Amino acid sequence: MLTTEVVVIGIVNLKTTNMKHNLKTIEDILNVVNAENIDNFLIDFRGFLSVNMLVQTTQELVGKENVEITREEREVMHWIDDGKTEAHITIKVNE
């Protein structure tokens, strides 16, 4: 069961969930990030960017055709608003 707590302060809607979000656009981010989860989101977002920079660097070193990562892993941030800061990604470098 999904539980959602909503607190309304003026025109700000603070919402916490334990949901998985597929973030593709800035609007997607704005729809799920709030004052209560922004710090956790920023930690995870930095990790997402770091992993993608690592993939890009690896592709430059060994050739793009030798590094396998799905297009979705590069274009969509799968973020679970659970307060944890962990990520799982599979990158395969062909020999």
Protein backbone atom coordinates (compact mmCIF):
# COMPACT_ATOMS: atom_id res chain seq x y z
CA MET A 1 0.00 0.00 0.00
CA LEU A 2 1.29 3.45 -0.90
CA THR A 3 0.91 6.09 1.75
CA THR A 4 1.29 9.74 1.00
CA GLU A 5 1.46 12.57 3.52
CA VAL A 6 0.54 16.00 2.25
CA VAL A 7 1.17 19.18 4.21
CA VAL A 8 -0.06 22.45 2.76
CA ILE A 9 1.67 25.64 3.87
CA GLY A 10 0.37 28.64 1.98
CA ILE A 11 0.66 27.69 -1.68
CA VAL A 12 3.43 25.14 -1.13
CA ASN A 13 2.48 21.47 -1.24
CA LEU A 14 5.00 19.35 0.70
CA LYS A 15 4.57 15.71 -0.21
CA THR A 16 6.56 12.64 0.81
CA THR A 17 6.18 9.24 -0.80
CA ASN A 18 8.01 5.98 -1.14
CA MET A 19 7.50 5.85 -4.90
CA LYS A 20 9.73 5.18 -7.86
CA HIS A 21 9.93 8.08 -10.29
CA ASN A 22 11.19 8.01 -13.88
CA LEU A 23 12.62 11.50 -14.34
CA LYS A 24 13.17 12.60 -17.95
CA THR A 25 12.54 16.35 -17.81
CA ILE A 26 12.96 19.31 -15.49
CA GLU A 27 9.18 19.30 -15.12
CA ASP A 28 9.33 15.68 -13.90
CA ILE A 29 11.84 16.74 -11.25
CA LEU A 30 9.74 19.73 -10.19
CA ASN A 31 6.70 17.47 -9.82
CA VAL A 32 8.38 15.13 -7.30
CA VAL A 33 11.04 17.14 -5.45
CA ASN A 34 9.95 19.17 -2.46
CA ALA A 35 11.42 20.78 0.66
CA GLU A 36 11.45 17.45 2.52
CA ASN A 37 13.25 15.35 -0.11
CA ILE A 38 15.43 17.82 -1.99
CA ASP A 39 18.65 16.96 -0.13
CA ASN A 40 18.24 13.23 -0.82
CA PHE A 41 17.34 13.95 -4.44
CA LEU A 42 20.42 16.14 -4.96
CA ILE A 43 22.72 13.44 -3.57
CA ASP A 44 21.19 10.86 -5.92
CA PHE A 45 21.18 13.28 -8.86
CA ARG A 46 24.88 13.98 -8.36
CA GLY A 47 25.50 10.22 -8.38
CA PHE A 48 23.46 9.84 -11.58
CA LEU A 49 25.51 12.57 -13.27
CA SER A 50 28.80 11.10 -12.01
CA VAL A 51 27.97 7.64 -13.34
CA ASN A 52 27.02 9.05 -16.73
CA MET A 53 30.24 11.09 -16.86
CA LEU A 54 32.17 7.91 -16.03
CA VAL A 55 30.42 6.10 -18.88
CA GLN A 56 31.26 8.92 -21.28
CA THR A 57 34.91 8.93 -20.21
CA THR A 58 35.10 5.13 -20.52
CA GLN A 59 33.57 5.33 -24.00
CA GLU A 60 36.20 7.89 -25.00
CA LEU A 61 39.01 5.66 -23.70
CA VAL A 62 37.96 2.28 -25.08
CA GLY A 63 35.57 3.26 -27.86
CA LYS A 64 31.84 3.85 -27.70
CA GLU A 65 31.14 0.51 -29.40
CA ASN A 66 32.91 -1.32 -26.54
CA VAL A 67 30.82 0.11 -23.70
CA GLU A 68 27.28 -1.16 -23.24
CA ILE A 69 24.73 0.86 -21.34
CA THR A 70 21.07 1.08 -22.21
CA ARG A 71 19.82 4.30 -23.69
CA GLU A 72 17.25 4.53 -20.89
CA GLU A 73 19.96 4.45 -18.21
CA ARG A 74 21.48 7.53 -19.86
CA GLU A 75 18.25 9.41 -20.51
CA VAL A 76 16.06 8.58 -17.53
CA MET A 77 16.87 8.88 -13.85
CA HIS A 78 15.00 6.20 -11.93
CA TRP A 79 14.67 7.73 -8.49
CA ILE A 80 13.03 6.14 -5.47
CA ASP A 81 11.94 8.72 -2.90
CA ASP A 82 12.84 6.54 0.08
CA GLY A 83 15.50 8.56 1.89
CA LYS A 84 18.24 6.14 0.85
CA THR A 85 21.13 7.22 -1.32
CA GLU A 86 21.96 4.18 -3.38
CA ALA A 87 21.99 3.37 -7.07
CA HIS A 88 22.25 0.30 -9.25
CA ILE A 89 23.52 0.49 -12.80
CA THR A 90 25.10 -2.05 -15.13
CA ILE A 91 27.86 -1.00 -17.47
CA LYS A 92 29.56 -3.61 -19.61
CA VAL A 93 32.92 -2.99 -21.25
CA ASN A 94 33.64 -5.44 -24.08
CA GLU A 95 37.18 -6.72 -24.46
